[in-house]
Amino acid sequence: MQKIAYCKRHHKVYNKHISNEEVIMRNLLLKFKSKDSPYGVTRETLKALADEMDVSETMVVHLAISRFAKEVLPAYEIDDGQLTVGDINRTRKAAEPMLPKGKVINTRSLL
């Protein structure tokens, strides 16, 4: 029996359909350099890495990109920059009721 795919507006699709956008987002064409440099490697270098690590060439590429991402991308969200004098004053005013009261008996410094 042949499966029939209906038009998308009918919302009844019996065969698996992957749009061109999904295919483009999932695959990447990797073009190798003619010689190794800081900006790329040859296919032979990729094969040698895969053999040395006993993994697939695809895994070597994923590992390399993962390491590069850790090195380049921030590990935290970018903040709004330095606090203004007004921000500091508001923080001090909000913290004042929570600070200890009374005479200082003893102090120590780590420096």
PDB file of N, CA and C in Angstrom:
ATOM      1  N   MET A   1       0.844  -1.180   0.000  1.00  0.00           N
ATOM      2  CA  MET A   1       0.000   0.000   0.000  1.00  0.00           C
ATOM      3  C   MET A   1       0.886   1.240   0.000  1.00  0.00           C
ATOM      4  N   GLN A   2       0.605   2.199  -0.841  1.00  0.00           N
ATOM      5  CA  GLN A   2       1.411   3.400  -0.970  1.00  0.00           C
ATOM      6  C   GLN A   2       0.917   4.462   0.005  1.00  0.00           C
ATOM      7  N   LYS A   3       1.858   5.083   0.693  1.00  0.00           N
ATOM      8  CA  LYS A   3       1.494   6.167   1.602  1.00  0.00           C
ATOM      9  C   LYS A   3       1.286   7.437   0.790  1.00  0.00           C
ATOM     10  N   ILE A   4       0.304   8.203   1.178  1.00  0.00           N
ATOM     11  CA  ILE A   4      -0.039   9.420   0.449  1.00  0.00           C
ATOM     12  C   ILE A   4       0.248  10.618   1.336  1.00  0.00           C
ATOM     13  N   ALA A   5       0.937  11.610   0.806  1.00  0.00           N
ATOM     14  CA  ALA A   5       1.206  12.842   1.542  1.00  0.00           C
ATOM     15  C   ALA A   5       0.243  13.905   1.048  1.00  0.00           C
ATOM     16  N   TYR A   6      -0.506  14.460   1.953  1.00  0.00           N
ATOM     17  CA  TYR A   6      -1.446  15.516   1.613  1.00  0.00           C
ATOM     18  C   TYR A   6      -0.762  16.871   1.736  1.00  0.00           C
ATOM     19  N   CYS A   7      -1.401  17.866   1.210  1.00  0.00           N
ATOM     20  CA  CYS A   7      -0.900  19.230   1.275  1.00  0.00           C
ATOM     21  C   CYS A   7      -0.755  19.639   2.746  1.00  0.00           C
ATOM     22  N   LYS A   8       0.227  20.472   3.054  1.00  0.00           N
ATOM     23  CA  LYS A   8       0.480  20.878   4.430  1.00  0.00           C
ATOM     24  C   LYS A   8      -0.742  21.519   5.086  1.00  0.00           C
ATOM     25  N   ARG A   9      -1.566  22.199   4.329  1.00  0.00           N
ATOM     26  CA  ARG A   9      -2.713  22.893   4.945  1.00  0.00           C
ATOM     27  C   ARG A   9      -3.749  21.900   5.461  1.00  0.00           C
ATOM     28  N   HIS A  10      -3.692  20.652   5.027  1.00  0.00           N
ATOM     29  CA  HIS A  10      -4.618  19.635   5.522  1.00  0.00           C
ATOM     30  C   HIS A  10      -4.100  19.012   6.818  1.00  0.00           C
ATOM     31  N   HIS A  11      -2.821  19.242   7.144  1.00  0.00           N
ATOM     32  CA  HIS A  11      -2.192  18.737   8.367  1.00  0.00           C
ATOM     33  C   HIS A  11      -2.244  17.213   8.468  1.00  0.00           C
ATOM     34  N   LYS A  12      -2.294  16.507   7.344  1.00  0.00           N
ATOM     35  CA  LYS A  12      -2.252  15.050   7.343  1.00  0.00           C
ATOM     36  C   LYS A  12      -1.129  14.611   6.428  1.00  0.00           C
ATOM     37  N   VAL A  13       0.026  14.412   7.020  1.00  0.00           N
ATOM     38  CA  VAL A  13       1.169  13.960   6.241  1.00  0.00           C
ATOM     39  C   VAL A  13       1.569  12.601   6.775  1.00  0.00           C
ATOM     40  N   TYR A  14       1.559  11.592   5.915  1.00  0.00           N
ATOM     41  CA  TYR A  14       1.835  10.232   6.342  1.00  0.00           C
ATOM     42  C   TYR A  14       3.292   9.834   6.176  1.00  0.00           C
ATOM     43  N   ASN A  15       4.007  10.530   5.329  1.00  0.00           N
ATOM     44  CA  ASN A  15       5.421  10.196   5.186  1.00  0.00           C
ATOM     45  C   ASN A  15       6.248  11.273   5.890  1.00  0.00           C
ATOM     46  N   LYS A  16       7.428  10.877   6.344  1.00  0.00           N
ATOM     47  CA  LYS A  16       8.283  11.804   7.063  1.00  0.00           C
ATOM     48  C   LYS A  16       8.765  12.891   6.106  1.00  0.00           C
ATOM     49  N   HIS A  17       8.632  14.119   6.533  1.00  0.00           N
ATOM     50  CA  HIS A  17       9.011  15.242   5.688  1.00  0.00           C
ATOM     51  C   HIS A  17       9.978  16.121   6.457  1.00  0.00           C
ATOM     52  N   ILE A  18      11.114  16.426   5.860  1.00  0.00           N
ATOM     53  CA  ILE A  18      12.076  17.351   6.443  1.00  0.00           C
ATOM     54  C   ILE A  18      12.225  18.497   5.457  1.00  0.00           C
ATOM     55  N   SER A  19      11.955  19.700   5.940  1.00  0.00           N
ATOM     56  CA  SER A  19      12.042  20.860   5.061  1.00  0.00           C
ATOM     57  C   SER A  19      13.496  21.143   4.709  1.00  0.00           C
ATOM     58  N   ASN A  20      13.688  21.908   3.642  1.00  0.00           N
ATOM     59  CA  ASN A  20      15.038  22.272   3.226  1.00  0.00           C
ATOM     60  C   ASN A  20      15.752  23.067   4.312  1.00  0.00           C
ATOM     61  N   GLU A  21      15.024  23.911   5.046  1.00  0.00           N
ATOM     62  CA  GLU A  21      15.623  24.699   6.121  1.00  0.00           C
ATOM     63  C   GLU A  21      16.189  23.785   7.200  1.00  0.00           C
ATOM     64  N   GLU A  22      15.472  22.730   7.565  1.00  0.00           N
ATOM     65  CA  GLU A  22      15.946  21.808   8.590  1.00  0.00           C
ATOM     66  C   GLU A  22      17.201  21.080   8.125  1.00  0.00           C
ATOM     67  N   VAL A  23      17.241  20.701   6.866  1.00  0.00           N
ATOM     68  CA  VAL A  23      18.414  20.008   6.337  1.00  0.00           C
ATOM     69  C   VAL A  23      19.613  20.939   6.362  1.00  0.00           C
ATOM     70  N   ILE A  24      19.428  22.175   5.983  1.00  0.00           N
ATOM     71  CA  ILE A  24      20.523  23.147   5.981  1.00  0.00           C
ATOM     72  C   ILE A  24      21.019  23.372   7.399  1.00  0.00           C
ATOM     73  N   MET A  25      20.142  23.432   8.358  1.00  0.00           N
ATOM     74  CA  MET A  25      20.531  23.695   9.736  1.00  0.00           C
ATOM     75  C   MET A  25      21.231  22.489  10.378  1.00  0.00           C
ATOM     76  N   ARG A  26      21.005  21.305   9.902  1.00  0.00           N
ATOM     77  CA  ARG A  26      21.568  20.107  10.502  1.00  0.00           C
ATOM     78  C   ARG A  26      22.873  19.679   9.863  1.00  0.00           C
ATOM     79  N   ASN A  27      23.170  20.122   8.669  1.00  0.00           N
ATOM     80  CA  ASN A  27      24.354  19.685   7.947  1.00  0.00           C
ATOM     81  C   ASN A  27      25.260  20.863   7.656  1.00  0.00           C
ATOM     82  N   LEU A  28      26.540  20.572   7.550  1.00  0.00           N
ATOM     83  CA  LEU A  28      27.519  21.599   7.249  1.00  0.00           C
ATOM     84  C   LEU A  28      28.557  21.009   6.313  1.00  0.00           C
ATOM     85  N   LEU A  29      28.817  21.694   5.236  1.00  0.00           N
ATOM     86  CA  LEU A  29      29.850  21.267   4.309  1.00  0.00           C
ATOM     87  C   LEU A  29      31.179  21.805   4.811  1.00  0.00           C
ATOM     88  N   LEU A  30      32.130  20.928   4.984  1.00  0.00           N
ATOM     89  CA  LEU A  30      33.439  21.323   5.493  1.00  0.00           C
ATOM     90  C   LEU A  30      34.449  21.215   4.360  1.00  0.00           C
ATOM     91  N   LYS A  31      35.017  22.331   3.982  1.00  0.00           N
ATOM     92  CA  LYS A  31      36.037  22.337   2.929  1.00  0.00           C
ATOM     93  C   LYS A  31      37.401  22.415   3.589  1.00  0.00           C
ATOM     94  N   PHE A  32      38.282  21.510   3.202  1.00  0.00           N
ATOM     95  CA  PHE A  32      39.594  21.429   3.811  1.00  0.00           C
ATOM     96  C   PHE A  32      40.581  22.350   3.116  1.00  0.00           C
ATOM     97  N   LYS A  33      41.593  22.741   3.848  1.00  0.00           N
ATOM     98  CA  LYS A  33      42.659  23.587   3.309  1.00  0.00           C
ATOM     99  C   LYS A  33      43.676  22.718   2.584  1.00  0.00           C
ATOM    100  N   SER A  34      44.464  23.338   1.727  1.00  0.00           N
ATOM    101  CA  SER A  34      45.491  22.587   1.003  1.00  0.00           C
ATOM    102  C   SER A  34      46.717  22.342   1.878  1.00  0.00           C
ATOM    103  N   LYS A  35      46.869  23.145   2.961  1.00  0.00           N
ATOM    104  CA  LYS A  35      47.942  22.919   3.929  1.00  0.00           C
ATOM    105  C   LYS A  35      47.446  23.359   5.313  1.00  0.00           C
ATOM    106  N   ASP A  36      48.036  22.786   6.355  1.00  0.00           N
ATOM    107  CA  ASP A  36      47.657  23.123   7.725  1.00  0.00           C
ATOM    108  C   ASP A  36      48.102  24.540   8.069  1.00  0.00           C
ATOM    109  N   SER A  37      47.250  25.245   8.798  1.00  0.00           N
ATOM    110  CA  SER A  37      47.557  26.600   9.252  1.00  0.00           C
ATOM    111  C   SER A  37      46.711  26.874  10.501  1.00  0.00           C
ATOM    112  N   PRO A  38      46.895  28.018  11.143  1.00  0.00           N
ATOM    113  CA  PRO A  38      46.058  28.352  12.300  1.00  0.00           C
ATOM    114  C   PRO A  38      44.572  28.508  11.940  1.00  0.00           C
ATOM    115  N   TYR A  39      44.278  28.611  10.643  1.00  0.00           N
ATOM    116  CA  TYR A  39      42.904  28.845  10.208  1.00  0.00           C
ATOM    117  C   TYR A  39      42.262  27.654   9.520  1.00  0.00           C
ATOM    118  N   GLY A  40      42.910  26.506   9.537  1.00  0.00           N
ATOM    119  CA  GLY A  40      42.326  25.326   8.923  1.00  0.00           C
ATOM    120  C   GLY A  40      43.332  24.193   8.819  1.00  0.00           C
ATOM    121  N   VAL A  41      42.787  23.018   8.536  1.00  0.00           N
ATOM    122  CA  VAL A  41      43.637  21.829   8.421  1.00  0.00           C
ATOM    123  C   VAL A  41      43.306  21.075   7.138  1.00  0.00           C
ATOM    124  N   THR A  42      44.206  20.158   6.794  1.00  0.00           N
ATOM    125  CA  THR A  42      43.984  19.302   5.631  1.00  0.00           C
ATOM    126  C   THR A  42      43.140  18.096   6.050  1.00  0.00           C
ATOM    127  N   ARG A  43      42.612  17.417   5.079  1.00  0.00           N
ATOM    128  CA  ARG A  43      41.837  16.205   5.354  1.00  0.00           C
ATOM    129  C   ARG A  43      42.726  15.140   5.988  1.00  0.00           C
ATOM    130  N   GLU A  44      43.978  15.109   5.580  1.00  0.00           N
ATOM    131  CA  GLU A  44      44.913  14.139   6.137  1.00  0.00           C
ATOM    132  C   GLU A  44      45.118  14.374   7.636  1.00  0.00           C
ATOM    133  N   THR A  45      45.157  15.629   8.062  1.00  0.00           N
ATOM    134  CA  THR A  45      45.296  15.948   9.487  1.00  0.00           C
ATOM    135  C   THR A  45      44.064  15.491  10.253  1.00  0.00           C
ATOM    136  N   LEU A  46      42.896  15.711   9.695  1.00  0.00           N
ATOM    137  CA  LEU A  46      41.665  15.257  10.342  1.00  0.00           C
ATOM    138  C   LEU A  46      41.664  13.743  10.481  1.00  0.00           C
ATOM    139  N   LYS A  47      42.055  13.047   9.421  1.00  0.00           N
ATOM    140  CA  LYS A  47      42.118  11.577   9.473  1.00  0.00           C
ATOM    141  C   LYS A  47      43.117  11.112  10.528  1.00  0.00           C
ATOM    142  N   ALA A  48      44.272  11.767  10.606  1.00  0.00           N
ATOM    143  CA  ALA A  48      45.290  11.396  11.589  1.00  0.00           C
ATOM    144  C   ALA A  48      44.772  11.607  13.017  1.00  0.00           C
ATOM    145  N   LEU A  49      44.061  12.706  13.252  1.00  0.00           N
ATOM    146  CA  LEU A  49      43.473  12.955  14.575  1.00  0.00           C
ATOM    147  C   LEU A  49      42.444  11.884  14.931  1.00  0.00           C
ATOM    148  N   ALA A  50      41.595  11.557  13.973  1.00  0.00           N
ATOM    149  CA  ALA A  50      40.572  10.530  14.210  1.00  0.00           C
ATOM    150  C   ALA A  50      41.208   9.188  14.529  1.00  0.00           C
ATOM    151  N   ASP A  51      42.255   8.837  13.796  1.00  0.00           N
ATOM    152  CA  ASP A  51      42.957   7.571  14.054  1.00  0.00           C
ATOM    153  C   ASP A  51      43.618   7.587  15.427  1.00  0.00           C
ATOM    154  N   GLU A  52      44.267   8.682  15.751  1.00  0.00           N
ATOM    155  CA  GLU A  52      44.961   8.800  17.038  1.00  0.00           C
ATOM    156  C   GLU A  52      43.998   8.710  18.216  1.00  0.00           C
ATOM    157  N   MET A  53      42.824   9.318  18.082  1.00  0.00           N
ATOM    158  CA  MET A  53      41.848   9.344  19.170  1.00  0.00           C
ATOM    159  C   MET A  53      40.896   8.159  19.120  1.00  0.00           C
ATOM    160  N   ASP A  54      40.958   7.392  18.039  1.00  0.00           N
ATOM    161  CA  ASP A  54      40.080   6.241  17.833  1.00  0.00           C
ATOM    162  C   ASP A  54      38.603   6.644  17.859  1.00  0.00           C
ATOM    163  N   VAL A  55      38.312   7.729  17.139  1.00  0.00           N
ATOM    164  CA  VAL A  55      36.929   8.210  16.981  1.00  0.00           C
ATOM    165  C   VAL A  55      36.723   8.547  15.508  1.00  0.00           C
ATOM    166  N   SER A  56      35.493   8.866  15.157  1.00  0.00           N
ATOM    167  CA  SER A  56      35.200   9.234  13.775  1.00  0.00           C
ATOM    168  C   SER A  56      35.703  10.644  13.468  1.00  0.00           C
ATOM    169  N   GLU A  57      35.829  10.939  12.204  1.00  0.00           N
ATOM    170  CA  GLU A  57      36.232  12.286  11.787  1.00  0.00           C
ATOM    171  C   GLU A  57      35.196  13.316  12.231  1.00  0.00           C
ATOM    172  N   THR A  58      33.934  12.933  12.178  1.00  0.00           N
ATOM    173  CA  THR A  58      32.870  13.832  12.626  1.00  0.00           C
ATOM    174  C   THR A  58      33.035  14.167  14.100  1.00  0.00           C
ATOM    175  N   MET A  59      33.384  13.169  14.917  1.00  0.00           N
ATOM    176  CA  MET A  59      33.578  13.401  16.350  1.00  0.00           C
ATOM    177  C   MET A  59      34.751  14.339  16.587  1.00  0.00           C
ATOM    178  N   VAL A  60      35.805  14.213  15.808  1.00  0.00           N
ATOM    179  CA  VAL A  60      36.962  15.110  15.944  1.00  0.00           C
ATOM    180  C   VAL A  60      36.525  16.546  15.677  1.00  0.00           C
ATOM    181  N   VAL A  61      35.726  16.756  14.643  1.00  0.00           N
ATOM    182  CA  VAL A  61      35.247  18.102  14.329  1.00  0.00           C
ATOM    183  C   VAL A  61      34.378  18.630  15.473  1.00  0.00           C
ATOM    184  N   HIS A  62      33.473  17.806  16.000  1.00  0.00           N
ATOM    185  CA  HIS A  62      32.627  18.235  17.118  1.00  0.00           C
ATOM    186  C   HIS A  62      33.464  18.591  18.348  1.00  0.00           C
ATOM    187  N   LEU A  63      34.471  17.767  18.662  1.00  0.00           N
ATOM    188  CA  LEU A  63      35.335  18.046  19.805  1.00  0.00           C
ATOM    189  C   LEU A  63      36.085  19.360  19.624  1.00  0.00           C
ATOM    190  N   ALA A  64      36.591  19.582  18.426  1.00  0.00           N
ATOM    191  CA  ALA A  64      37.334  20.814  18.158  1.00  0.00           C
ATOM    192  C   ALA A  64      36.441  22.040  18.289  1.00  0.00           C
ATOM    193  N   ILE A  65      35.248  21.962  17.743  1.00  0.00           N
ATOM    194  CA  ILE A  65      34.321  23.097  17.820  1.00  0.00           C
ATOM    195  C   ILE A  65      33.889  23.322  19.262  1.00  0.00           C
ATOM    196  N   SER A  66      33.659  22.253  20.000  1.00  0.00           N
ATOM    197  CA  SER A  66      33.267  22.364  21.410  1.00  0.00           C
ATOM    198  C   SER A  66      34.350  23.069  22.218  1.00  0.00           C
ATOM    199  N   ARG A  67      35.602  22.672  22.024  1.00  0.00           N
ATOM    200  CA  ARG A  67      36.716  23.314  22.736  1.00  0.00           C
ATOM    201  C   ARG A  67      36.841  24.784  22.342  1.00  0.00           C
ATOM    202  N   PHE A  68      36.686  25.069  21.063  1.00  0.00           N
ATOM    203  CA  PHE A  68      36.787  26.439  20.580  1.00  0.00           C
ATOM    204  C   PHE A  68      35.665  27.297  21.173  1.00  0.00           C
ATOM    205  N   ALA A  69      34.463  26.739  21.260  1.00  0.00           N
ATOM    206  CA  ALA A  69      33.330  27.471  21.837  1.00  0.00           C
ATOM    207  C   ALA A  69      33.593  27.819  23.299  1.00  0.00           C
ATOM    208  N   LYS A  70      34.160  26.876  24.063  1.00  0.00           N
ATOM    209  CA  LYS A  70      34.480  27.143  25.472  1.00  0.00           C
ATOM    210  C   LYS A  70      35.513  28.251  25.603  1.00  0.00           C
ATOM    211  N   GLU A  71      36.426  28.300  24.649  1.00  0.00           N
ATOM    212  CA  GLU A  71      37.488  29.304  24.676  1.00  0.00           C
ATOM    213  C   GLU A  71      36.979  30.689  24.282  1.00  0.00           C
ATOM    214  N   VAL A  72      36.078  30.751  23.321  1.00  0.00           N
ATOM    215  CA  VAL A  72      35.678  32.033  22.737  1.00  0.00           C
ATOM    216  C   VAL A  72      34.408  32.608  23.357  1.00  0.00           C
ATOM    217  N   LEU A  73      33.402  31.768  23.559  1.00  0.00           N
ATOM    218  CA  LEU A  73      32.112  32.276  24.027  1.00  0.00           C
ATOM    219  C   LEU A  73      32.131  32.518  25.525  1.00  0.00           C
ATOM    220  N   PRO A  74      31.479  33.594  25.993  1.00  0.00           N
ATOM    221  CA  PRO A  74      31.456  33.854  27.434  1.00  0.00           C
ATOM    222  C   PRO A  74      30.659  32.787  28.173  1.00  0.00           C
ATOM    223  N   ALA A  75      31.091  32.487  29.397  1.00  0.00           N
ATOM    224  CA  ALA A  75      30.423  31.471  30.210  1.00  0.00           C
ATOM    225  C   ALA A  75      29.266  32.064  30.999  1.00  0.00           C
ATOM    226  N   TYR A  76      29.032  33.348  30.843  1.00  0.00           N
ATOM    227  CA  TYR A  76      27.979  34.038  31.570  1.00  0.00           C
ATOM    228  C   TYR A  76      27.354  35.083  30.659  1.00  0.00           C
ATOM    229  N   GLU A  77      26.194  35.548  31.050  1.00  0.00           N
ATOM    230  CA  GLU A  77      25.538  36.588  30.261  1.00  0.00           C
ATOM    231  C   GLU A  77      26.275  37.908  30.448  1.00  0.00           C
ATOM    232  N   ILE A  78      26.353  38.676  29.407  1.00  0.00           N
ATOM    233  CA  ILE A  78      27.006  39.974  29.471  1.00  0.00           C
ATOM    234  C   ILE A  78      26.165  40.886  30.356  1.00  0.00           C
ATOM    235  N   ASP A  79      26.841  41.574  31.296  1.00  0.00           N
ATOM    236  CA  ASP A  79      26.096  42.447  32.204  1.00  0.00           C
ATOM    237  C   ASP A  79      25.923  43.835  31.587  1.00  0.00           C
ATOM    238  N   ASP A  80      25.377  44.746  32.385  1.00  0.00           N
ATOM    239  CA  ASP A  80      25.092  46.094  31.904  1.00  0.00           C
ATOM    240  C   ASP A  80      26.254  47.051  32.105  1.00  0.00           C
ATOM    241  N   GLY A  81      27.407  46.551  32.486  1.00  0.00           N
ATOM    242  CA  GLY A  81      28.560  47.410  32.694  1.00  0.00           C
ATOM    243  C   GLY A  81      28.727  47.806  34.150  1.00  0.00           C
ATOM    244  N   GLN A  82      29.561  48.820  34.386  1.00  0.00           N
ATOM    245  CA  GLN A  82      29.854  49.261  35.744  1.00  0.00           C
ATOM    246  C   GLN A  82      28.635  49.907  36.393  1.00  0.00           C
ATOM    247  N   LEU A  83      28.597  49.816  37.717  1.00  0.00           N
ATOM    248  CA  LEU A  83      27.529  50.479  38.468  1.00  0.00           C
ATOM    249  C   LEU A  83      27.771  51.980  38.474  1.00  0.00           C
ATOM    250  N   THR A  84      26.698  52.724  38.422  1.00  0.00           N
ATOM    251  CA  THR A  84      26.805  54.180  38.517  1.00  0.00           C
ATOM    252  C   THR A  84      26.881  54.571  39.987  1.00  0.00           C
ATOM    253  N   VAL A  85      27.226  55.829  40.255  1.00  0.00           N
ATOM    254  CA  VAL A  85      27.264  56.337  41.629  1.00  0.00           C
ATOM    255  C   VAL A  85      25.880  56.209  42.260  1.00  0.00           C
ATOM    256  N   GLY A  86      24.838  56.477  41.480  1.00  0.00           N
ATOM    257  CA  GLY A  86      23.468  56.340  41.975  1.00  0.00           C
ATOM    258  C   GLY A  86      23.138  54.905  42.357  1.00  0.00           C
ATOM    259  N   ASP A  87      23.586  53.936  41.546  1.00  0.00           N
ATOM    260  CA  ASP A  87      23.373  52.516  41.859  1.00  0.00           C
ATOM    261  C   ASP A  87      24.037  52.148  43.180  1.00  0.00           C
ATOM    262  N   ILE A  88      25.264  52.602  43.358  1.00  0.00           N
ATOM    263  CA  ILE A  88      25.997  52.301  44.587  1.00  0.00           C
ATOM    264  C   ILE A  88      25.302  52.919  45.792  1.00  0.00           C
ATOM    265  N   ASN A  89      24.865  54.158  45.655  1.00  0.00           N
ATOM    266  CA  ASN A  89      24.168  54.832  46.766  1.00  0.00           C
ATOM    267  C   ASN A  89      22.863  54.116  47.122  1.00  0.00           C
ATOM    268  N   ARG A  90      22.095  53.694  46.128  1.00  0.00           N
ATOM    269  CA  ARG A  90      20.838  52.963  46.389  1.00  0.00           C
ATOM    270  C   ARG A  90      21.123  51.625  47.076  1.00  0.00           C
ATOM    271  N   THR A  91      22.195  50.948  46.668  1.00  0.00           N
ATOM    272  CA  THR A  91      22.559  49.674  47.288  1.00  0.00           C
ATOM    273  C   THR A  91      22.968  49.880  48.747  1.00  0.00           C
ATOM    274  N   ARG A  92      23.768  50.902  48.998  1.00  0.00           N
ATOM    275  CA  ARG A  92      24.175  51.200  50.385  1.00  0.00           C
ATOM    276  C   ARG A  92      22.967  51.539  51.248  1.00  0.00           C
ATOM    277  N   LYS A  93      22.040  52.322  50.707  1.00  0.00           N
ATOM    278  CA  LYS A  93      20.841  52.710  51.460  1.00  0.00           C
ATOM    279  C   LYS A  93      19.976  51.480  51.763  1.00  0.00           C
ATOM    280  N   ALA A  94      19.845  50.559  50.786  1.00  0.00           N
ATOM    281  CA  ALA A  94      19.046  49.353  50.983  1.00  0.00           C
ATOM    282  C   ALA A  94      19.712  48.402  51.973  1.00  0.00           C
ATOM    283  N   ALA A  95      21.054  48.381  52.021  1.00  0.00           N
ATOM    284  CA  ALA A  95      21.780  47.460  52.892  1.00  0.00           C
ATOM    285  C   ALA A  95      21.899  47.987  54.317  1.00  0.00           C
ATOM    286  N   GLU A  96      21.797  49.290  54.500  1.00  0.00           N
ATOM    287  CA  GLU A  96      22.023  49.906  55.813  1.00  0.00           C
ATOM    288  C   GLU A  96      21.194  49.283  56.946  1.00  0.00           C
ATOM    289  N   PRO A  97      19.898  49.042  56.766  1.00  0.00           N
ATOM    290  CA  PRO A  97      19.132  48.450  57.873  1.00  0.00           C
ATOM    291  C   PRO A  97      19.573  47.020  58.214  1.00  0.00           C
ATOM    292  N   MET A  98      20.242  46.337  57.301  1.00  0.00           N
ATOM    293  CA  MET A  98      20.659  44.949  57.529  1.00  0.00           C
ATOM    294  C   MET A  98      22.057  44.836  58.126  1.00  0.00           C
ATOM    295  N   LEU A  99      22.795  45.934  58.196  1.00  0.00           N
ATOM    296  CA  LEU A  99      24.151  45.913  58.733  1.00  0.00           C
ATOM    297  C   LEU A  99      24.119  45.848  60.261  1.00  0.00           C
ATOM    298  N   PRO A 100      25.152  45.228  60.859  1.00  0.00           N
ATOM    299  CA  PRO A 100      25.187  45.156  62.322  1.00  0.00           C
ATOM    300  C   PRO A 100      25.355  46.542  62.941  1.00  0.00           C
ATOM    301  N   LYS A 101      24.795  46.709  64.146  1.00  0.00           N
ATOM    302  CA  LYS A 101      24.872  47.988  64.854  1.00  0.00           C
ATOM    303  C   LYS A 101      25.768  47.826  66.077  1.00  0.00           C
ATOM    304  N   GLY A 102      26.288  48.900  66.583  1.00  0.00           N
ATOM    305  CA  GLY A 102      27.063  48.862  67.810  1.00  0.00           C
ATOM    306  C   GLY A 102      28.536  49.135  67.581  1.00  0.00           C
ATOM    307  N   LYS A 103      29.287  49.005  68.678  1.00  0.00           N
ATOM    308  CA  LYS A 103      30.709  49.297  68.692  1.00  0.00           C
ATOM    309  C   LYS A 103      31.502  48.117  68.115  1.00  0.00           C
ATOM    310  N   VAL A 104      32.524  48.423  67.305  1.00  0.00           N
ATOM    311  CA  VAL A 104      33.400  47.395  66.756  1.00  0.00           C
ATOM    312  C   VAL A 104      34.380  46.982  67.849  1.00  0.00           C
ATOM    313  N   ILE A 105      34.411  45.692  68.180  1.00  0.00           N
ATOM    314  CA  ILE A 105      35.257  45.189  69.242  1.00  0.00           C
ATOM    315  C   ILE A 105      36.620  44.735  68.707  1.00  0.00           C
ATOM    316  N   ASN A 106      36.622  44.025  67.604  1.00  0.00           N
ATOM    317  CA  ASN A 106      37.857  43.457  67.078  1.00  0.00           C
ATOM    318  C   ASN A 106      37.757  43.371  65.564  1.00  0.00           C
ATOM    319  N   THR A 107      38.839  43.629  64.867  1.00  0.00           N
ATOM    320  CA  THR A 107      38.866  43.494  63.410  1.00  0.00           C
ATOM    321  C   THR A 107      40.101  42.710  63.001  1.00  0.00           C
ATOM    322  N   ARG A 108      40.000  42.013  61.876  1.00  0.00           N
ATOM    323  CA  ARG A 108      41.132  41.289  61.308  1.00  0.00           C
ATOM    324  C   ARG A 108      41.164  41.565  59.811  1.00  0.00           C
ATOM    325  N   SER A 109      42.327  41.477  59.259  1.00  0.00           N
ATOM    326  CA  SER A 109      42.482  41.694  57.833  1.00  0.00           C
ATOM    327  C   SER A 109      43.230  40.524  57.218  1.00  0.00           C
ATOM    328  N   LEU A 110      42.861  40.165  56.040  1.00  0.00           N
ATOM    329  CA  LEU A 110      43.558  39.095  55.321  1.00  0.00           C
ATOM    330  C   LEU A 110      44.806  39.624  54.614  1.00  0.00           C
ATOM    331  N   LEU A 111      44.932  40.923  54.536  1.00  0.00           N
ATOM    332  CA  LEU A 111      46.075  41.516  53.832  1.00  0.00           C
ATOM    333  C   LEU A 111      47.177  41.906  54.749  1.00  0.00           C
TER     334      LEU A 111
END
